[in-house]
Amino acid sequence: MMYGKDNYGASGNPYAQFQGQEMGPSKPLMGPPQLTTRTRINLIGVLVSLFVPWFVFLAMFALWSFQLRYSAPGKVLTITIILGTILGLFCLYRVQLSCRALWGNYDLVERGRFSVWSLFIAITAIVAFALGLSTGSFNYSEHMRGIYDVQSLNAYVEVNPATMRGQELMDAGRVQFVSGANVDLNLADGFKNTDVYCVAPITLNGASLASYDFWAVGKNCCSDKLADFRCGAYKSQGLKGGVRITDDVDRDFYRLAVQQAQSAHAIKAIHPLFFEWTENSFDQMMEDERAGYQVFLMSMLGHFIFQAILVAIAVTCFTKNRFE
């Protein structure tokens, strides 16, 4: 018979032959859910990934924006090449390891919990290197270089535009004019080349001069057809000063504007010098310098936020894919 005695064994139990064998862990039918192990966030990797690329950005920005670039450009270039080579080789090494992993030679995370973060740090450090160099160079050309040029020149006080000539102040960086010196708005002119380069001669109490060698200048603060100079402290009363314009490109266009003024008003400018018209030349230079440092602070904060966003995205991806 199908259910004979031999099938039940000596005890008469049909399952006696399976007793004592391992059946695997049993799960309770009821009760609280069992806890599962969650992937831990690599806190050290997160912190290093946040601050190392940021420090690279700050280093490159400072190198290419401030005094060292002006006084020792060769050193700045050498440091940049060395740092860029180190970062580039490290990034290539990490990318090469990742490519081998994708081809199946070994796991993407290799051995060790910092491997995936090392690749992330290498790539974002290269990005920080490029951003720091470009933004630092922009700040240097737009704000800091002109300041360092002026600081390397001499400062003069009691400059009389009626009796002094431009050749006497070839090395002038900052000047303070005598009382009564002001711009002659009737002789102003402007030259347009994308921007409008505005010029107006500095005279003494509006007197006619044999040669107008001192000029107040500015960009996009006048019309190229009317004598309507509105640059700098043109409305202010009292003592006036000037900060020398040292940018070669701007200076060439201001010279063309002066030539137009000479033709339009039949005046002479034997050796014209160009100044940013201001009440106090020292205060104006300090204000221009502060503008450069404000760009640095804004860039520093902006890149930190940018890097923090990248790290947050990386944490989400790495924990989701269990790369940690």
Protein backbone atom coordinates (compact mmCIF):
# COMPACT_ATOMS: atom_id res chain seq x y z
CA MET A 1 0.00 0.00 0.00
CA MET A 2 1.06 3.57 -0.51
CA TYR A 3 0.84 4.40 3.16
CA GLY A 4 2.20 1.20 4.59
CA LYS A 5 4.02 0.73 7.80
CA ASP A 6 7.40 1.05 6.15
CA ASN A 7 6.55 4.59 5.16
CA TYR A 8 5.80 5.62 8.74
CA GLY A 9 8.84 4.05 10.29
CA ALA A 10 9.01 2.47 13.66
CA SER A 11 7.32 5.36 15.38
CA GLY A 12 4.50 5.58 12.96
CA ASN A 13 5.49 9.19 12.10
CA PRO A 14 5.82 9.87 8.35
CA TYR A 15 8.30 12.80 8.98
CA ALA A 16 10.56 10.91 11.36
CA GLN A 17 13.25 10.42 8.69
CA PHE A 18 13.66 14.28 8.31
CA GLN A 19 13.96 15.06 11.98
CA GLY A 20 17.36 16.43 13.00
CA GLN A 21 18.15 17.79 9.52
CA GLU A 22 18.89 21.52 9.11
CA MET A 23 15.94 23.37 7.57
CA GLY A 24 17.42 26.90 7.66
CA PRO A 25 16.43 29.82 9.85
CA SER A 26 12.80 30.18 10.62
CA LYS A 27 10.94 33.47 10.52
CA PRO A 28 8.32 34.36 13.07
CA LEU A 29 4.86 34.65 11.67
CA MET A 30 4.10 37.67 13.85
CA GLY A 31 6.02 40.22 15.85
CA PRO A 32 8.12 43.39 15.16
CA PRO A 33 9.95 43.60 11.83
CA GLN A 34 13.58 42.59 11.86
CA LEU A 35 16.19 45.39 11.56
CA THR A 36 18.39 45.56 8.45
CA THR A 37 21.90 47.03 8.31
CA ARG A 38 22.04 50.41 6.51
CA THR A 39 25.02 51.69 4.55
CA ARG A 40 27.00 54.15 6.62
CA ILE A 41 28.09 57.47 5.16
CA ASN A 42 31.85 57.86 4.90
CA LEU A 43 32.15 61.07 6.94
CA ILE A 44 35.90 61.45 6.42
CA GLY A 45 35.48 61.07 2.66
CA VAL A 46 32.70 63.67 2.66
CA LEU A 47 34.79 66.24 4.58
CA VAL A 48 37.90 65.70 2.47
CA SER A 49 35.82 65.94 -0.72
CA LEU A 50 34.29 69.19 0.50
CA PHE A 51 37.41 71.04 1.60
CA VAL A 52 40.31 69.81 -0.58
CA PRO A 53 38.88 71.04 -3.93
CA TRP A 54 37.79 74.26 -2.21
CA PHE A 55 41.33 74.86 -0.96
CA VAL A 56 42.65 74.20 -4.47
CA PHE A 57 40.25 76.85 -5.80
CA LEU A 58 41.33 79.39 -3.18
CA ALA A 59 45.02 78.74 -3.82
CA MET A 60 44.68 79.22 -7.57
CA PHE A 61 42.51 82.30 -7.20
CA ALA A 62 44.99 83.94 -4.82
CA LEU A 63 47.99 83.04 -6.98
CA TRP A 64 46.51 84.50 -10.15
CA SER A 65 44.75 87.51 -8.65
CA PHE A 66 46.92 89.21 -6.04
CA GLN A 67 50.32 90.74 -5.36
CA LEU A 68 52.49 87.67 -6.02
CA ARG A 69 51.39 87.52 -9.65
CA TYR A 70 52.33 91.17 -10.14
CA SER A 71 55.71 91.01 -8.38
CA ALA A 72 56.78 87.45 -9.31
CA PRO A 73 54.79 86.10 -12.29
CA GLY A 74 57.43 83.44 -12.96
CA LYS A 75 56.94 81.89 -9.51
CA VAL A 76 53.18 81.87 -9.98
CA LEU A 77 53.52 80.09 -13.31
CA THR A 78 55.93 77.51 -11.84
CA ILE A 79 53.65 76.76 -8.88
CA THR A 80 50.67 76.47 -11.23
CA ILE A 81 52.47 73.99 -13.50
CA ILE A 82 53.60 71.85 -10.56
CA LEU A 83 50.17 71.80 -8.92
CA GLY A 84 48.40 71.19 -12.22
CA THR A 85 50.75 68.30 -13.06
CA ILE A 86 50.17 66.64 -9.68
CA LEU A 87 46.41 66.96 -9.93
CA GLY A 88 46.37 65.84 -13.54
CA LEU A 89 48.42 62.70 -12.89
CA PHE A 90 46.37 61.81 -9.83
CA CYS A 91 43.13 62.26 -11.77
CA LEU A 92 44.40 60.14 -14.68
CA TYR A 93 45.43 57.41 -12.25
CA ARG A 94 42.02 57.31 -10.59
CA VAL A 95 40.18 57.37 -13.94
CA GLN A 96 42.40 54.54 -15.23
CA LEU A 97 41.54 52.42 -12.22
CA SER A 98 37.84 53.10 -12.71
CA CYS A 99 38.02 52.18 -16.40
CA ARG A 100 39.69 48.88 -15.52
CA ALA A 101 36.93 48.27 -13.00
CA LEU A 102 34.25 48.90 -15.59
CA TRP A 103 35.98 46.43 -17.90
CA GLY A 104 35.56 43.79 -15.21
CA ASN A 105 39.05 43.42 -13.80
CA TYR A 106 37.93 44.15 -10.27
CA ASP A 107 35.21 45.93 -8.32
CA LEU A 108 34.60 49.62 -8.88
CA VAL A 109 35.44 50.40 -5.27
CA GLU A 110 38.59 48.21 -5.47
CA ARG A 111 39.82 47.60 -1.96
CA GLY A 112 39.13 50.11 0.77
CA ARG A 113 36.27 52.39 1.59
CA PHE A 114 37.92 55.61 0.28
CA SER A 115 38.44 54.52 -3.32
CA VAL A 116 35.28 56.00 -4.82
CA TRP A 117 35.80 59.25 -2.93
CA SER A 118 39.36 59.46 -4.27
CA LEU A 119 38.01 59.50 -7.81
CA PHE A 120 35.46 62.17 -6.87
CA ILE A 121 38.13 64.33 -5.19
CA ALA A 122 40.45 64.04 -8.20
CA ILE A 123 37.82 65.17 -10.70
CA THR A 124 36.41 68.03 -8.59
CA ALA A 125 39.92 69.24 -7.73
CA ILE A 126 40.70 69.56 -11.45
CA VAL A 127 37.47 71.54 -11.89
CA ALA A 128 38.39 73.75 -8.92
CA PHE A 129 41.88 74.27 -10.38
CA ALA A 130 40.46 75.54 -13.68
CA LEU A 131 37.80 77.72 -12.03
CA GLY A 132 40.29 79.28 -9.60
CA LEU A 133 42.74 80.10 -12.39
CA SER A 134 40.10 81.65 -14.66
CA THR A 135 38.26 83.69 -12.02
CA GLY A 136 41.53 84.81 -10.43
CA SER A 137 42.84 86.00 -13.80
CA PHE A 138 39.58 87.87 -14.43
CA ASN A 139 39.76 89.63 -11.07
CA TYR A 140 43.41 90.52 -11.66
CA SER A 141 42.79 92.09 -15.07
CA GLU A 142 39.58 93.88 -14.05
CA HIS A 143 40.54 95.17 -10.59
CA MET A 144 43.92 94.35 -9.10
CA ARG A 145 46.46 94.96 -11.86
CA GLY A 146 45.56 98.62 -12.22
CA ILE A 147 45.86 99.08 -8.45
CA TYR A 148 49.32 97.50 -8.36
CA ASP A 149 50.38 99.65 -11.32
CA VAL A 150 49.31 102.80 -9.50
CA GLN A 151 50.97 101.70 -6.24
CA SER A 152 54.26 101.22 -8.09
CA LEU A 153 54.16 104.84 -9.29
CA ASN A 154 54.62 108.09 -7.36
CA ALA A 155 52.01 110.29 -5.67
CA TYR A 156 51.94 114.06 -6.18
CA VAL A 157 50.08 116.85 -4.41
CA GLU A 158 49.37 120.47 -5.29
CA VAL A 159 49.46 119.73 -9.02
CA ASN A 160 48.61 122.84 -11.05
CA PRO A 161 47.27 121.93 -14.51
CA ALA A 162 47.87 125.50 -15.73
CA THR A 163 51.62 125.56 -15.08
CA MET A 164 52.69 121.92 -15.13
CA ARG A 165 53.08 119.67 -18.17
CA GLY A 166 52.42 116.00 -18.66
CA GLN A 167 56.11 115.24 -19.22
CA GLU A 168 56.85 116.38 -15.66
CA LEU A 169 54.52 113.76 -14.18
CA MET A 170 55.28 110.74 -16.33
CA ASP A 171 55.67 108.62 -13.18
CA ALA A 172 52.51 109.88 -11.49
CA GLY A 173 50.13 107.26 -10.11
CA ARG A 174 47.99 109.42 -7.84
CA VAL A 175 47.71 113.20 -7.93
CA GLN A 176 45.92 115.79 -5.85
CA PHE A 177 45.25 119.02 -7.74
CA VAL A 178 45.38 122.54 -6.40
CA SER A 179 42.26 124.37 -5.27
CA GLY A 180 40.25 125.62 -8.21
CA ALA A 181 41.16 122.76 -10.54
CA ASN A 182 38.16 121.26 -12.30
CA VAL A 183 37.06 119.68 -15.57
CA ASP A 184 36.05 121.90 -18.46
CA LEU A 185 32.78 120.32 -19.61
CA ASN A 186 32.62 122.54 -22.69
CA LEU A 187 35.71 120.85 -24.12
CA ALA A 188 34.61 117.27 -23.34
CA ASP A 189 34.35 114.65 -26.03
CA GLY A 190 33.84 110.91 -26.48
CA PHE A 191 35.07 108.18 -28.77
CA LYS A 192 32.83 105.17 -29.40
CA ASN A 193 34.23 101.69 -29.96
CA THR A 194 31.60 99.36 -28.47
CA ASP A 195 32.09 101.33 -25.21
CA VAL A 196 32.12 105.12 -25.20
CA TYR A 197 35.47 106.50 -24.01
CA CYS A 198 34.85 109.89 -22.43
CA VAL A 199 37.42 112.64 -21.86
CA ALA A 200 37.36 116.17 -20.44
CA PRO A 201 40.40 118.44 -19.85
CA ILE A 202 41.35 119.48 -16.31
CA THR A 203 41.83 123.25 -16.08
CA LEU A 204 42.27 125.88 -13.38
CA ASN A 205 39.16 128.02 -12.81
CA GLY A 206 38.08 127.43 -16.41
CA ALA A 207 41.06 129.26 -17.89
CA SER A 208 42.26 128.55 -21.42
CA LEU A 209 45.58 126.68 -21.47
CA ALA A 210 48.37 126.51 -24.01
CA SER A 211 48.36 122.71 -23.68
CA TYR A 212 45.77 120.52 -22.01
CA ASP A 213 47.87 117.68 -20.64
CA PHE A 214 45.66 116.48 -17.76
CA TRP A 215 42.40 114.74 -18.64
CA ALA A 216 39.60 113.24 -16.58
CA VAL A 217 38.29 110.10 -18.24
CA GLY A 218 35.69 107.37 -17.89
CA LYS A 219 33.76 104.79 -19.88
CA ASN A 220 30.09 105.00 -20.89
CA CYS A 221 29.46 108.19 -18.90
CA CYS A 222 28.97 110.59 -21.81
CA SER A 223 27.67 110.79 -25.35
CA ASP A 224 29.92 110.32 -28.35
CA LYS A 225 28.24 113.30 -30.02
CA LEU A 226 27.62 115.81 -27.22
CA ALA A 227 29.90 117.44 -24.65
CA ASP A 228 28.09 115.91 -21.69
CA PHE A 229 30.86 114.47 -19.49
CA ARG A 230 29.37 112.76 -16.39
CA CYS A 231 32.27 110.67 -15.13
CA GLY A 232 33.59 110.37 -11.58
CA ALA A 233 33.25 113.33 -9.22
CA TYR A 234 32.39 115.84 -11.95
CA LYS A 235 29.73 117.49 -9.75
CA SER A 236 31.73 117.70 -6.52
CA GLN A 237 33.13 120.95 -5.20
CA GLY A 238 36.43 121.50 -3.43
CA LEU A 239 39.74 119.71 -3.90
CA LYS A 240 39.97 117.09 -6.58
CA GLY A 241 42.34 114.24 -7.29
CA GLY A 242 43.02 111.65 -9.92
CA VAL A 243 44.00 107.99 -10.13
CA ARG A 244 46.11 107.24 -13.20
CA ILE A 245 44.67 105.04 -15.94
CA THR A 246 47.31 102.40 -16.70
CA ASP A 247 45.44 99.95 -18.94
CA ASP A 248 47.10 100.08 -22.36
CA VAL A 249 43.96 99.28 -24.36
CA ASP A 250 41.82 101.90 -22.58
CA ARG A 251 44.60 104.45 -22.81
CA ASP A 252 44.78 104.10 -26.61
CA PHE A 253 41.05 104.76 -26.95
CA TYR A 254 41.23 107.73 -24.58
CA ARG A 255 44.02 109.12 -26.73
CA LEU A 256 41.74 108.87 -29.77
CA ALA A 257 39.02 110.70 -27.85
CA VAL A 258 41.50 113.47 -26.99
CA GLN A 259 42.44 113.76 -30.66
CA GLN A 260 38.76 114.20 -31.48
CA ALA A 261 38.49 116.93 -28.83
CA GLN A 262 41.55 118.66 -30.26
CA SER A 263 40.01 118.72 -33.72
CA ALA A 264 36.56 119.73 -32.50
CA HIS A 265 37.66 122.54 -30.17
CA ALA A 266 40.98 123.62 -31.74
CA ILE A 267 43.06 122.91 -28.63
CA LYS A 268 46.43 121.29 -27.99
CA ALA A 269 47.38 118.29 -25.86
CA ILE A 270 51.13 117.78 -26.18
CA HIS A 271 51.51 114.95 -23.68
CA PRO A 272 48.09 113.95 -22.30
CA LEU A 273 47.80 111.97 -19.05
CA PHE A 274 44.55 110.25 -18.11
CA PHE A 275 43.05 110.11 -14.62
CA GLU A 276 39.96 108.77 -12.94
CA TRP A 277 38.42 111.97 -11.56
CA THR A 278 37.75 111.77 -7.82
CA GLU A 279 37.57 113.82 -4.65
CA ASN A 280 40.37 111.89 -2.95
CA SER A 281 42.74 109.77 -4.99
CA PHE A 282 43.85 107.60 -2.04
CA ASP A 283 40.28 106.82 -0.99
CA GLN A 284 39.36 106.01 -4.58
CA MET A 285 42.25 103.59 -4.91
CA MET A 286 41.26 101.88 -1.65
CA GLU A 287 37.69 101.58 -2.93
CA ASP A 288 38.91 99.99 -6.17
CA GLU A 289 41.03 97.55 -4.15
CA ARG A 290 38.07 96.63 -1.95
CA ALA A 291 36.09 95.81 -5.09
CA GLY A 292 38.76 93.26 -6.01
CA TYR A 293 38.68 91.64 -2.58
CA GLN A 294 34.88 91.55 -2.67
CA VAL A 295 35.10 89.52 -5.88
CA PHE A 296 37.44 87.13 -4.05
CA LEU A 297 35.06 86.73 -1.10
CA MET A 298 32.04 86.21 -3.35
CA SER A 299 33.95 83.65 -5.42
CA MET A 300 35.13 81.87 -2.28
CA LEU A 301 31.58 81.57 -0.96
CA GLY A 302 30.17 80.66 -4.36
CA HIS A 303 32.62 77.83 -4.94
CA PHE A 304 32.06 76.45 -1.43
CA ILE A 305 28.31 76.25 -2.12
CA PHE A 306 29.01 74.70 -5.54
CA GLN A 307 31.29 72.07 -4.01
CA ALA A 308 28.82 71.34 -1.23
CA ILE A 309 26.11 70.65 -3.83
CA LEU A 310 28.43 68.28 -5.69
CA VAL A 311 29.28 66.45 -2.45
CA ALA A 312 25.58 66.13 -1.56
CA ILE A 313 24.87 64.62 -4.98
CA ALA A 314 27.81 62.24 -4.59
CA VAL A 315 26.63 61.10 -1.14
CA THR A 316 23.19 60.35 -2.54
CA CYS A 317 24.57 58.38 -5.48
CA PHE A 318 27.21 56.47 -3.53
CA THR A 319 24.89 55.39 -0.73
CA LYS A 320 22.11 54.48 -3.15
CA ASN A 321 24.45 52.28 -5.19
CA ARG A 322 26.29 50.98 -2.09
CA PHE A 323 29.67 52.29 -3.22
CA GLU A 324 30.54 53.26 0.36
